[in-house]
Amino acid sequence: QPQLVESGGGLVQPGGSLRLSCAASRIIIRDYVMGWYRQAPGRQRESVATTRTTDFTTYAGSVKGRFTISRDNVKNTVYLQMNSLKPEDTAVYYCNAVRLGEREYWGQGTQVTVSS
């Protein structure tokens, strides 16, 4: 069974930075569209950023210019660099892997809290 394991979450002050990691096993991430999603309490899960096999990236408008998604195909890991964090970025962040004709995979999530 493919597995995605997120890490790097925590408590950070407004304006601070965090880097999330998503280590994949039993899938090859270069064959998948990889993404980061987040879910805040009482809200629906939303897409934050995605990276396609051709290294094309997309970002939610609320994070564009502050967050950067990247992938290391050698380490089979996807990253989300988050800068200039705001309290409204507080959420559980999930890693996602999807490709045509196959079920999608999710990690267990990592909590990010932005607070002074």
C-alpha atoms as a PDB file:
ATOM      1  CA  GLN A   1       0.000   0.000   0.000  1.00  0.00           C
ATOM      2  CA  PRO A   2       1.480   3.376  -0.988  1.00  0.00           C
ATOM      3  CA  GLN A   3       2.244   5.654   1.895  1.00  0.00           C
ATOM      4  CA  LEU A   4       2.732   9.402   2.245  1.00  0.00           C
ATOM      5  CA  VAL A   5       4.239  10.706   5.484  1.00  0.00           C
ATOM      6  CA  GLU A   6       4.199  14.429   6.235  1.00  0.00           C
ATOM      7  CA  SER A   7       6.508  16.182   8.670  1.00  0.00           C
ATOM      8  CA  GLY A   8       7.697  19.658   9.525  1.00  0.00           C
ATOM      9  CA  GLY A   9       4.575  21.186  11.015  1.00  0.00           C
ATOM     10  CA  GLY A  10       4.534  23.110  14.260  1.00  0.00           C
ATOM     11  CA  LEU A  11       3.868  26.403  15.972  1.00  0.00           C
ATOM     12  CA  VAL A  12       5.300  29.528  14.367  1.00  0.00           C
ATOM     13  CA  GLN A  13       4.796  33.248  14.873  1.00  0.00           C
ATOM     14  CA  PRO A  14       3.178  35.401  12.192  1.00  0.00           C
ATOM     15  CA  GLY A  15       5.748  36.286   9.558  1.00  0.00           C
ATOM     16  CA  GLY A  16       7.729  33.135  10.232  1.00  0.00           C
ATOM     17  CA  SER A  17       8.576  30.201   7.985  1.00  0.00           C
ATOM     18  CA  LEU A  18       8.169  26.444   7.949  1.00  0.00           C
ATOM     19  CA  ARG A  19       9.096  23.737   5.476  1.00  0.00           C
ATOM     20  CA  LEU A  20       6.851  20.724   5.207  1.00  0.00           C
ATOM     21  CA  SER A  21       8.077  17.430   3.802  1.00  0.00           C
ATOM     22  CA  CYS A  22       6.128  14.542   2.318  1.00  0.00           C
ATOM     23  CA  ALA A  23       8.087  11.310   2.030  1.00  0.00           C
ATOM     24  CA  ALA A  24       6.514   8.796  -0.330  1.00  0.00           C
ATOM     25  CA  SER A  25       6.945   5.031  -0.279  1.00  0.00           C
ATOM     26  CA  ARG A  26       5.679   2.342  -2.654  1.00  0.00           C
ATOM     27  CA  ILE A  27       4.935   4.965  -5.302  1.00  0.00           C
ATOM     28  CA  ILE A  28       7.309   6.890  -7.551  1.00  0.00           C
ATOM     29  CA  ILE A  29       6.376  10.561  -7.178  1.00  0.00           C
ATOM     30  CA  ARG A  30       7.604  11.511 -10.661  1.00  0.00           C
ATOM     31  CA  ASP A  31       4.718   9.434 -12.015  1.00  0.00           C
ATOM     32  CA  TYR A  32       2.121  11.385 -10.024  1.00  0.00           C
ATOM     33  CA  VAL A  33       0.710  14.842  -9.642  1.00  0.00           C
ATOM     34  CA  MET A  34       1.734  15.735  -6.098  1.00  0.00           C
ATOM     35  CA  GLY A  35      -0.067  18.301  -4.046  1.00  0.00           C
ATOM     36  CA  TRP A  36      -0.462  19.946  -0.676  1.00  0.00           C
ATOM     37  CA  TYR A  37      -3.905  20.560   0.755  1.00  0.00           C
ATOM     38  CA  ARG A  38      -5.022  22.051   4.047  1.00  0.00           C
ATOM     39  CA  GLN A  39      -8.065  21.941   6.256  1.00  0.00           C
ATOM     40  CA  ALA A  40      -8.831  24.457   8.965  1.00  0.00           C
ATOM     41  CA  PRO A  41     -11.380  23.747  11.726  1.00  0.00           C
ATOM     42  CA  GLY A  42     -14.905  24.069  10.423  1.00  0.00           C
ATOM     43  CA  ARG A  43     -13.767  24.487   6.824  1.00  0.00           C
ATOM     44  CA  GLN A  44     -13.501  22.250   3.789  1.00  0.00           C
ATOM     45  CA  ARG A  45     -10.183  20.856   2.653  1.00  0.00           C
ATOM     46  CA  GLU A  46      -8.642  23.120   0.030  1.00  0.00           C
ATOM     47  CA  SER A  47      -5.822  22.843  -2.450  1.00  0.00           C
ATOM     48  CA  VAL A  48      -2.717  24.838  -1.556  1.00  0.00           C
ATOM     49  CA  ALA A  49      -0.233  23.877  -4.266  1.00  0.00           C
ATOM     50  CA  THR A  50       0.363  21.168  -6.845  1.00  0.00           C
ATOM     51  CA  THR A  51       3.289  20.039  -8.944  1.00  0.00           C
ATOM     52  CA  ARG A  52       2.826  17.971 -12.091  1.00  0.00           C
ATOM     53  CA  THR A  53       5.196  15.581 -13.681  1.00  0.00           C
ATOM     54  CA  THR A  54       6.520  18.295 -15.964  1.00  0.00           C
ATOM     55  CA  ASP A  55       7.301  20.488 -12.960  1.00  0.00           C
ATOM     56  CA  PHE A  56       4.380  22.725 -13.724  1.00  0.00           C
ATOM     57  CA  THR A  57       3.151  24.179 -10.438  1.00  0.00           C
ATOM     58  CA  THR A  58      -0.092  25.769  -9.347  1.00  0.00           C
ATOM     59  CA  TYR A  59      -0.905  27.736  -6.209  1.00  0.00           C
ATOM     60  CA  ALA A  60      -3.976  28.936  -4.419  1.00  0.00           C
ATOM     61  CA  GLY A  61      -4.300  32.672  -4.691  1.00  0.00           C
ATOM     62  CA  SER A  62      -4.043  33.090  -0.930  1.00  0.00           C
ATOM     63  CA  VAL A  63      -0.530  31.570  -0.822  1.00  0.00           C
ATOM     64  CA  LYS A  64       0.932  32.669  -4.165  1.00  0.00           C
ATOM     65  CA  GLY A  65       4.222  34.461  -3.653  1.00  0.00           C
ATOM     66  CA  ARG A  66       4.609  33.096  -0.115  1.00  0.00           C
ATOM     67  CA  PHE A  67       4.609  29.303  -0.557  1.00  0.00           C
ATOM     68  CA  THR A  68       6.768  27.200  -2.875  1.00  0.00           C
ATOM     69  CA  ILE A  69       6.165  23.567  -3.752  1.00  0.00           C
ATOM     70  CA  SER A  70       9.067  21.459  -4.957  1.00  0.00           C
ATOM     71  CA  ARG A  71       9.945  17.839  -5.467  1.00  0.00           C
ATOM     72  CA  ASP A  72      13.107  15.777  -5.111  1.00  0.00           C
ATOM     73  CA  ASN A  73      12.665  12.732  -7.316  1.00  0.00           C
ATOM     74  CA  VAL A  74      15.834  11.129  -5.955  1.00  0.00           C
ATOM     75  CA  LYS A  75      14.591  11.314  -2.368  1.00  0.00           C
ATOM     76  CA  ASN A  76      11.018  10.634  -3.543  1.00  0.00           C
ATOM     77  CA  THR A  77       9.915  13.584  -1.412  1.00  0.00           C
ATOM     78  CA  VAL A  78       7.773  16.666  -1.964  1.00  0.00           C
ATOM     79  CA  TYR A  79       8.268  19.881  -0.031  1.00  0.00           C
ATOM     80  CA  LEU A  80       6.231  22.957   0.781  1.00  0.00           C
ATOM     81  CA  GLN A  81       8.254  25.981   1.789  1.00  0.00           C
ATOM     82  CA  MET A  82       5.984  28.417   3.598  1.00  0.00           C
ATOM     83  CA  ASN A  83       7.165  31.974   4.210  1.00  0.00           C
ATOM     84  CA  SER A  84       5.467  35.064   5.634  1.00  0.00           C
ATOM     85  CA  LEU A  85       3.003  32.863   7.465  1.00  0.00           C
ATOM     86  CA  LYS A  86      -0.277  34.351   8.611  1.00  0.00           C
ATOM     87  CA  PRO A  87      -2.731  33.222  11.302  1.00  0.00           C
ATOM     88  CA  GLU A  88      -5.155  32.260   8.531  1.00  0.00           C
ATOM     89  CA  ASP A  89      -2.628  29.669   7.320  1.00  0.00           C
ATOM     90  CA  THR A  90      -3.345  27.675  10.479  1.00  0.00           C
ATOM     91  CA  ALA A  91      -4.614  24.249   9.423  1.00  0.00           C
ATOM     92  CA  VAL A  92      -3.775  20.595   9.106  1.00  0.00           C
ATOM     93  CA  TYR A  93      -1.699  20.187   5.947  1.00  0.00           C
ATOM     94  CA  TYR A  94      -2.037  17.026   3.876  1.00  0.00           C
ATOM     95  CA  CYS A  95       0.083  15.571   1.111  1.00  0.00           C
ATOM     96  CA  ASN A  96      -1.700  14.083  -1.909  1.00  0.00           C
ATOM     97  CA  ALA A  97      -0.671  11.916  -4.861  1.00  0.00           C
ATOM     98  CA  VAL A  98      -2.885  11.299  -7.879  1.00  0.00           C
ATOM     99  CA  ARG A  99      -2.634  10.022 -11.433  1.00  0.00           C
ATOM    100  CA  LEU A 100      -5.153   9.162 -14.099  1.00  0.00           C
ATOM    101  CA  GLY A 101      -6.951   5.865 -13.671  1.00  0.00           C
ATOM    102  CA  GLU A 102      -5.821   5.264 -10.117  1.00  0.00           C
ATOM    103  CA  ARG A 103      -7.174   6.108  -6.695  1.00  0.00           C
ATOM    104  CA  GLU A 104      -5.598   9.080  -4.981  1.00  0.00           C
ATOM    105  CA  TYR A 105      -3.445   8.778  -1.888  1.00  0.00           C
ATOM    106  CA  TRP A 106      -3.340  10.965   1.223  1.00  0.00           C
ATOM    107  CA  GLY A 107      -0.969  11.371   4.117  1.00  0.00           C
ATOM    108  CA  GLN A 108      -2.056  11.558   7.725  1.00  0.00           C
ATOM    109  CA  GLY A 109      -1.552  15.319   7.936  1.00  0.00           C
ATOM    110  CA  THR A 110       0.672  17.665   9.910  1.00  0.00           C
ATOM    111  CA  GLN A 111      -0.564  20.548  12.057  1.00  0.00           C
ATOM    112  CA  VAL A 112       0.587  24.072  11.284  1.00  0.00           C
ATOM    113  CA  THR A 113      -0.327  26.755  13.816  1.00  0.00           C
ATOM    114  CA  VAL A 114       0.511  30.402  13.212  1.00  0.00           C
ATOM    115  CA  SER A 115       0.069  32.412  16.373  1.00  0.00           C
ATOM    116  CA  SER A 116       1.846  34.936  18.527  1.00  0.00           C
END
